[in-house]
């Protein structure tokens, strides 16, 4: 493993493999100063100060701060803000749990999304094999839909992998899709 991963995370990775993603208590925030580095060249650092159930992070590439639920859903998102209680009911994580999010905007505009604990999965990323919950965010958009997946690993108190896919129905009813972004966890440094 790289120099980014110290003994504490290596032990967490071994524990995750041994206990599975199902051995979880309430989600905890990473220790302030913990740094996560990703394959898209971004890095974030855990900070103190977010109100539960969110954890605060600083983007080390630009300095912006963000409060995240399960390392995935931003408190700055209007649909997340409008559905904090719905997301809290999502805990403890369990395969099959679903949360329906909605937000009414100005005029007739509204937003909706569905979040599903799709499955438990062991994912292999550069920091090791990790037991994770796959969180699926589905959101209609125009003639198509977004599907975003986060692999949340309780042992890391963060996400180890992310993918996004946009699918639209094209001419003749044939679905066309694109995968605009994805990343995986490359390193962790614990203070």
C-alpha atoms as a PDB file:
ATOM      1  CA  UNK A   1       0.000   0.000   0.000  1.00  0.00           C
ATOM      2  CA  UNK A   2       1.104   3.567  -0.569  1.00  0.00           C
ATOM      3  CA  UNK A   3       2.567   5.881   2.044  1.00  0.00           C
ATOM      4  CA  UNK A   4      -0.851   7.518   2.262  1.00  0.00           C
ATOM      5  CA  UNK A   5      -2.322   4.544   4.040  1.00  0.00           C
ATOM      6  CA  UNK A   6      -1.167   4.198   7.611  1.00  0.00           C
ATOM      7  CA  UNK A   7      -1.622   1.337  10.025  1.00  0.00           C
ATOM      8  CA  UNK A   8      -4.986   2.581  11.309  1.00  0.00           C
ATOM      9  CA  UNK A   9      -6.561   2.477   7.862  1.00  0.00           C
ATOM     10  CA  UNK A  10      -4.861  -0.801   7.001  1.00  0.00           C
ATOM     11  CA  UNK A  11      -6.432  -2.266  10.157  1.00  0.00           C
ATOM     12  CA  UNK A  12      -9.814  -0.803   9.156  1.00  0.00           C
ATOM     13  CA  UNK A  13      -9.524  -2.381   5.716  1.00  0.00           C
ATOM     14  CA  UNK A  14      -8.773  -5.781   7.267  1.00  0.00           C
ATOM     15  CA  UNK A  15     -11.662  -5.311   9.706  1.00  0.00           C
ATOM     16  CA  UNK A  16     -13.998  -4.339   6.846  1.00  0.00           C
ATOM     17  CA  UNK A  17     -13.116  -7.494   4.972  1.00  0.00           C
ATOM     18  CA  UNK A  18     -13.637  -9.592   8.081  1.00  0.00           C
ATOM     19  CA  UNK A  19     -16.893  -8.094   9.350  1.00  0.00           C
ATOM     20  CA  UNK A  20     -18.639  -7.008   6.159  1.00  0.00           C
ATOM     21  CA  UNK A  21     -20.488  -3.775   5.574  1.00  0.00           C
ATOM     22  CA  UNK A  22     -23.351  -4.970   7.773  1.00  0.00           C
ATOM     23  CA  UNK A  23     -21.382  -4.543  11.014  1.00  0.00           C
ATOM     24  CA  UNK A  24     -22.162  -0.879  11.471  1.00  0.00           C
ATOM     25  CA  UNK A  25     -23.254   1.395  14.234  1.00  0.00           C
ATOM     26  CA  UNK A  26     -24.509   4.906  13.590  1.00  0.00           C
ATOM     27  CA  UNK A  27     -22.401   6.625  10.904  1.00  0.00           C
ATOM     28  CA  UNK A  28     -19.457   8.476  12.379  1.00  0.00           C
ATOM     29  CA  UNK A  29     -17.426  11.277  10.895  1.00  0.00           C
ATOM     30  CA  UNK A  30     -13.760  10.727  10.092  1.00  0.00           C
ATOM     31  CA  UNK A  31     -11.219  12.198  12.504  1.00  0.00           C
ATOM     32  CA  UNK A  32     -10.532  15.864  11.711  1.00  0.00           C
ATOM     33  CA  UNK A  33      -7.423  16.062   9.555  1.00  0.00           C
ATOM     34  CA  UNK A  34      -8.100  12.770   7.728  1.00  0.00           C
ATOM     35  CA  UNK A  35      -7.292  13.262   4.031  1.00  0.00           C
ATOM     36  CA  UNK A  36      -8.849  11.248   1.207  1.00  0.00           C
ATOM     37  CA  UNK A  37      -7.264  11.334  -2.287  1.00  0.00           C
ATOM     38  CA  UNK A  38      -9.129  10.213  -5.416  1.00  0.00           C
ATOM     39  CA  UNK A  39      -8.331   9.037  -8.937  1.00  0.00           C
ATOM     40  CA  UNK A  40      -9.684  12.290 -10.437  1.00  0.00           C
ATOM     41  CA  UNK A  41      -6.759  14.121  -8.722  1.00  0.00           C
ATOM     42  CA  UNK A  42      -8.992  15.667  -6.063  1.00  0.00           C
ATOM     43  CA  UNK A  43      -8.431  15.479  -2.310  1.00  0.00           C
ATOM     44  CA  UNK A  44     -10.590  16.348   0.670  1.00  0.00           C
ATOM     45  CA  UNK A  45      -9.818  16.775   4.345  1.00  0.00           C
ATOM     46  CA  UNK A  46     -12.209  15.991   7.196  1.00  0.00           C
ATOM     47  CA  UNK A  47     -13.028  18.914   9.473  1.00  0.00           C
ATOM     48  CA  UNK A  48     -14.912  19.230  12.755  1.00  0.00           C
ATOM     49  CA  UNK A  49     -18.087  21.242  13.124  1.00  0.00           C
ATOM     50  CA  UNK A  50     -20.909  19.756  11.045  1.00  0.00           C
ATOM     51  CA  UNK A  51     -24.282  19.096  12.632  1.00  0.00           C
ATOM     52  CA  UNK A  52     -25.249  15.399  12.679  1.00  0.00           C
ATOM     53  CA  UNK A  53     -25.870  13.456  10.493  1.00  0.00           C
ATOM     54  CA  UNK A  54     -23.496  15.408   8.245  1.00  0.00           C
ATOM     55  CA  UNK A  55     -19.688  15.419   8.234  1.00  0.00           C
ATOM     56  CA  UNK A  56     -17.677  18.480   7.165  1.00  0.00           C
ATOM     57  CA  UNK A  57     -14.902  18.387   4.579  1.00  0.00           C
ATOM     58  CA  UNK A  58     -12.656  20.875   2.796  1.00  0.00           C
ATOM     59  CA  UNK A  59     -11.750  20.430  -0.850  1.00  0.00           C
ATOM     60  CA  UNK A  60      -7.953  20.663  -0.848  1.00  0.00           C
ATOM     61  CA  UNK A  61      -7.930  21.599  -4.538  1.00  0.00           C
ATOM     62  CA  UNK A  62      -9.987  24.751  -4.040  1.00  0.00           C
ATOM     63  CA  UNK A  63     -10.621  25.210  -0.334  1.00  0.00           C
ATOM     64  CA  UNK A  64     -14.420  25.026  -0.482  1.00  0.00           C
ATOM     65  CA  UNK A  65     -16.113  23.448   2.524  1.00  0.00           C
ATOM     66  CA  UNK A  66     -18.985  21.010   2.174  1.00  0.00           C
ATOM     67  CA  UNK A  67     -21.115  19.064   4.644  1.00  0.00           C
ATOM     68  CA  UNK A  68     -21.888  15.552   3.386  1.00  0.00           C
ATOM     69  CA  UNK A  69     -24.304  12.826   4.477  1.00  0.00           C
ATOM     70  CA  UNK A  70     -22.600   9.406   4.192  1.00  0.00           C
ATOM     71  CA  UNK A  71     -19.799  11.052   2.211  1.00  0.00           C
ATOM     72  CA  UNK A  72     -22.180  11.418  -0.724  1.00  0.00           C
ATOM     73  CA  UNK A  73     -25.076  13.840  -0.396  1.00  0.00           C
ATOM     74  CA  UNK A  74     -24.286  17.553   0.042  1.00  0.00           C
ATOM     75  CA  UNK A  75     -26.162  19.631   2.623  1.00  0.00           C
ATOM     76  CA  UNK A  76     -25.800  22.478   0.100  1.00  0.00           C
ATOM     77  CA  UNK A  77     -28.144  20.713  -2.343  1.00  0.00           C
ATOM     78  CA  UNK A  78     -31.687  22.128  -2.144  1.00  0.00           C
ATOM     79  CA  UNK A  79     -33.262  18.663  -2.522  1.00  0.00           C
ATOM     80  CA  UNK A  80     -31.081  17.302   0.303  1.00  0.00           C
ATOM     81  CA  UNK A  81     -31.888  20.319   2.527  1.00  0.00           C
ATOM     82  CA  UNK A  82     -35.616  19.762   1.972  1.00  0.00           C
ATOM     83  CA  UNK A  83     -35.340  16.062   2.864  1.00  0.00           C
ATOM     84  CA  UNK A  84     -32.947  15.825   5.823  1.00  0.00           C
ATOM     85  CA  UNK A  85     -35.501  13.950   7.945  1.00  0.00           C
ATOM     86  CA  UNK A  86     -36.163  11.511   5.079  1.00  0.00           C
ATOM     87  CA  UNK A  87     -32.419  10.850   4.796  1.00  0.00           C
ATOM     88  CA  UNK A  88     -32.064  10.402   8.578  1.00  0.00           C
ATOM     89  CA  UNK A  89     -34.731   7.677   8.391  1.00  0.00           C
ATOM     90  CA  UNK A  90     -32.402   5.933   5.920  1.00  0.00           C
ATOM     91  CA  UNK A  91     -30.238   4.940   8.902  1.00  0.00           C
ATOM     92  CA  UNK A  92     -29.100   2.417   9.857  1.00  0.00           C
ATOM     93  CA  UNK A  93     -28.205   1.382   6.324  1.00  0.00           C
ATOM     94  CA  UNK A  94     -29.870  -1.818   5.183  1.00  0.00           C
ATOM     95  CA  UNK A  95     -30.073  -3.319   1.703  1.00  0.00           C
ATOM     96  CA  UNK A  96     -33.417  -2.494   0.110  1.00  0.00           C
ATOM     97  CA  UNK A  97     -34.101   0.691   2.092  1.00  0.00           C
ATOM     98  CA  UNK A  98     -35.413   3.449  -0.139  1.00  0.00           C
ATOM     99  CA  UNK A  99     -35.834   7.179   0.380  1.00  0.00           C
ATOM    100  CA  UNK A 100     -37.989   9.298  -1.919  1.00  0.00           C
ATOM    101  CA  UNK A 101     -36.807  12.905  -2.057  1.00  0.00           C
ATOM    102  CA  UNK A 102     -38.859  15.800  -3.413  1.00  0.00           C
ATOM    103  CA  UNK A 103     -38.581  19.552  -3.490  1.00  0.00           C
ATOM    104  CA  UNK A 104     -41.001  22.087  -4.908  1.00  0.00           C
ATOM    105  CA  UNK A 105     -39.380  24.988  -6.702  1.00  0.00           C
ATOM    106  CA  UNK A 106     -40.691  28.261  -8.048  1.00  0.00           C
ATOM    107  CA  UNK A 107     -43.612  28.010 -10.455  1.00  0.00           C
ATOM    108  CA  UNK A 108     -44.357  24.467 -11.503  1.00  0.00           C
ATOM    109  CA  UNK A 109     -40.744  23.371 -11.271  1.00  0.00           C
ATOM    110  CA  UNK A 110     -39.966  20.595  -8.847  1.00  0.00           C
ATOM    111  CA  UNK A 111     -37.265  18.028  -8.271  1.00  0.00           C
ATOM    112  CA  UNK A 112     -37.472  14.430  -7.264  1.00  0.00           C
ATOM    113  CA  UNK A 113     -34.986  11.670  -6.681  1.00  0.00           C
ATOM    114  CA  UNK A 114     -34.952   8.199  -5.213  1.00  0.00           C
ATOM    115  CA  UNK A 115     -32.097   6.897  -3.084  1.00  0.00           C
ATOM    116  CA  UNK A 116     -31.782   3.149  -2.624  1.00  0.00           C
ATOM    117  CA  UNK A 117     -29.373   1.007  -0.625  1.00  0.00           C
ATOM    118  CA  UNK A 118     -28.905  -1.192  -3.663  1.00  0.00           C
ATOM    119  CA  UNK A 119     -26.636  -3.891  -2.234  1.00  0.00           C
ATOM    120  CA  UNK A 120     -23.612  -4.725  -0.132  1.00  0.00           C
ATOM    121  CA  UNK A 121     -20.496  -5.215  -2.165  1.00  0.00           C
ATOM    122  CA  UNK A 122     -16.810  -5.721  -1.574  1.00  0.00           C
ATOM    123  CA  UNK A 123     -14.999  -3.273  -3.813  1.00  0.00           C
ATOM    124  CA  UNK A 124     -11.325  -3.387  -4.736  1.00  0.00           C
ATOM    125  CA  UNK A 125      -9.694   0.051  -4.928  1.00  0.00           C
ATOM    126  CA  UNK A 126      -6.026   1.057  -4.637  1.00  0.00           C
ATOM    127  CA  UNK A 127      -6.277   1.263  -0.823  1.00  0.00           C
ATOM    128  CA  UNK A 128      -7.535  -2.338  -0.578  1.00  0.00           C
ATOM    129  CA  UNK A 129     -10.644  -4.530  -0.543  1.00  0.00           C
ATOM    130  CA  UNK A 130     -13.463  -2.781   1.271  1.00  0.00           C
ATOM    131  CA  UNK A 131     -16.924  -3.888   2.391  1.00  0.00           C
ATOM    132  CA  UNK A 132     -19.349  -1.216   1.230  1.00  0.00           C
ATOM    133  CA  UNK A 133     -22.982  -0.335   0.776  1.00  0.00           C
ATOM    134  CA  UNK A 134     -23.850   0.724  -2.774  1.00  0.00           C
ATOM    135  CA  UNK A 135     -26.075   3.815  -2.627  1.00  0.00           C
ATOM    136  CA  UNK A 136     -28.022   4.450  -5.847  1.00  0.00           C
ATOM    137  CA  UNK A 137     -29.405   7.954  -6.556  1.00  0.00           C
ATOM    138  CA  UNK A 138     -31.913   7.942  -9.474  1.00  0.00           C
ATOM    139  CA  UNK A 139     -33.204  11.233 -10.797  1.00  0.00           C
ATOM    140  CA  UNK A 140     -35.371  11.958 -13.854  1.00  0.00           C
ATOM    141  CA  UNK A 141     -33.994  14.680 -16.136  1.00  0.00           C
ATOM    142  CA  UNK A 142     -35.754  15.795 -19.307  1.00  0.00           C
ATOM    143  CA  UNK A 143     -36.108  12.783 -21.609  1.00  0.00           C
ATOM    144  CA  UNK A 144     -33.748  10.681 -19.521  1.00  0.00           C
ATOM    145  CA  UNK A 145     -32.473   9.962 -16.054  1.00  0.00           C
ATOM    146  CA  UNK A 146     -29.332  10.176 -13.981  1.00  0.00           C
ATOM    147  CA  UNK A 147     -28.069   7.218 -12.003  1.00  0.00           C
ATOM    148  CA  UNK A 148     -25.293   7.938  -9.542  1.00  0.00           C
ATOM    149  CA  UNK A 149     -23.691   5.283  -7.344  1.00  0.00           C
ATOM    150  CA  UNK A 150     -21.545   5.752  -4.251  1.00  0.00           C
ATOM    151  CA  UNK A 151     -19.778   2.857  -2.508  1.00  0.00           C
ATOM    152  CA  UNK A 152     -20.020   3.949   1.150  1.00  0.00           C
ATOM    153  CA  UNK A 153     -17.635   2.032   3.434  1.00  0.00           C
ATOM    154  CA  UNK A 154     -18.442   2.243   7.151  1.00  0.00           C
ATOM    155  CA  UNK A 155     -14.850   1.270   8.005  1.00  0.00           C
ATOM    156  CA  UNK A 156     -13.558   4.367   6.181  1.00  0.00           C
ATOM    157  CA  UNK A 157     -16.425   6.617   7.253  1.00  0.00           C
ATOM    158  CA  UNK A 158     -16.445   7.713   3.620  1.00  0.00           C
ATOM    159  CA  UNK A 159     -16.998   6.641   0.020  1.00  0.00           C
ATOM    160  CA  UNK A 160     -14.466   4.446  -1.817  1.00  0.00           C
ATOM    161  CA  UNK A 161     -15.903   4.753  -5.320  1.00  0.00           C
ATOM    162  CA  UNK A 162     -18.338   6.855  -7.371  1.00  0.00           C
ATOM    163  CA  UNK A 163     -19.894   6.449 -10.822  1.00  0.00           C
ATOM    164  CA  UNK A 164     -22.477   8.473 -12.732  1.00  0.00           C
ATOM    165  CA  UNK A 165     -24.453   7.558 -15.819  1.00  0.00           C
ATOM    166  CA  UNK A 166     -26.981   9.559 -17.815  1.00  0.00           C
ATOM    167  CA  UNK A 167     -29.413   7.637 -19.972  1.00  0.00           C
ATOM    168  CA  UNK A 168     -31.780   9.172 -22.513  1.00  0.00           C
ATOM    169  CA  UNK A 169     -34.221   7.496 -24.870  1.00  0.00           C
ATOM    170  CA  UNK A 170     -33.094   8.271 -28.412  1.00  0.00           C
ATOM    171  CA  UNK A 171     -34.701   7.928 -31.828  1.00  0.00           C
ATOM    172  CA  UNK A 172     -36.628   4.714 -32.255  1.00  0.00           C
ATOM    173  CA  UNK A 173     -36.834   4.206 -28.481  1.00  0.00           C
ATOM    174  CA  UNK A 174     -33.219   3.068 -28.234  1.00  0.00           C
ATOM    175  CA  UNK A 175     -31.593   4.074 -24.929  1.00  0.00           C
ATOM    176  CA  UNK A 176     -28.392   6.079 -25.249  1.00  0.00           C
ATOM    177  CA  UNK A 177     -26.162   6.479 -22.235  1.00  0.00           C
ATOM    178  CA  UNK A 178     -23.046   8.312 -21.242  1.00  0.00           C
ATOM    179  CA  UNK A 179     -20.804   7.914 -18.235  1.00  0.00           C
ATOM    180  CA  UNK A 180     -19.556  11.434 -17.621  1.00  0.00           C
ATOM    181  CA  UNK A 181     -17.607  10.905 -14.436  1.00  0.00           C
ATOM    182  CA  UNK A 182     -16.282   8.366 -12.008  1.00  0.00           C
ATOM    183  CA  UNK A 183     -13.539   8.116  -9.411  1.00  0.00           C
ATOM    184  CA  UNK A 184     -12.165   5.804  -6.776  1.00  0.00           C
ATOM    185  CA  UNK A 185     -10.255   6.205  -3.552  1.00  0.00           C
ATOM    186  CA  UNK A 186      -6.495   6.212  -4.117  1.00  0.00           C
ATOM    187  CA  UNK A 187      -5.224   7.010  -0.638  1.00  0.00           C
ATOM    188  CA  UNK A 188      -6.108   7.855   2.953  1.00  0.00           C
ATOM    189  CA  UNK A 189      -3.980   9.684   5.495  1.00  0.00           C
ATOM    190  CA  UNK A 190      -5.134   9.719   9.121  1.00  0.00           C
ATOM    191  CA  UNK A 191      -3.651  12.307  11.504  1.00  0.00           C
END
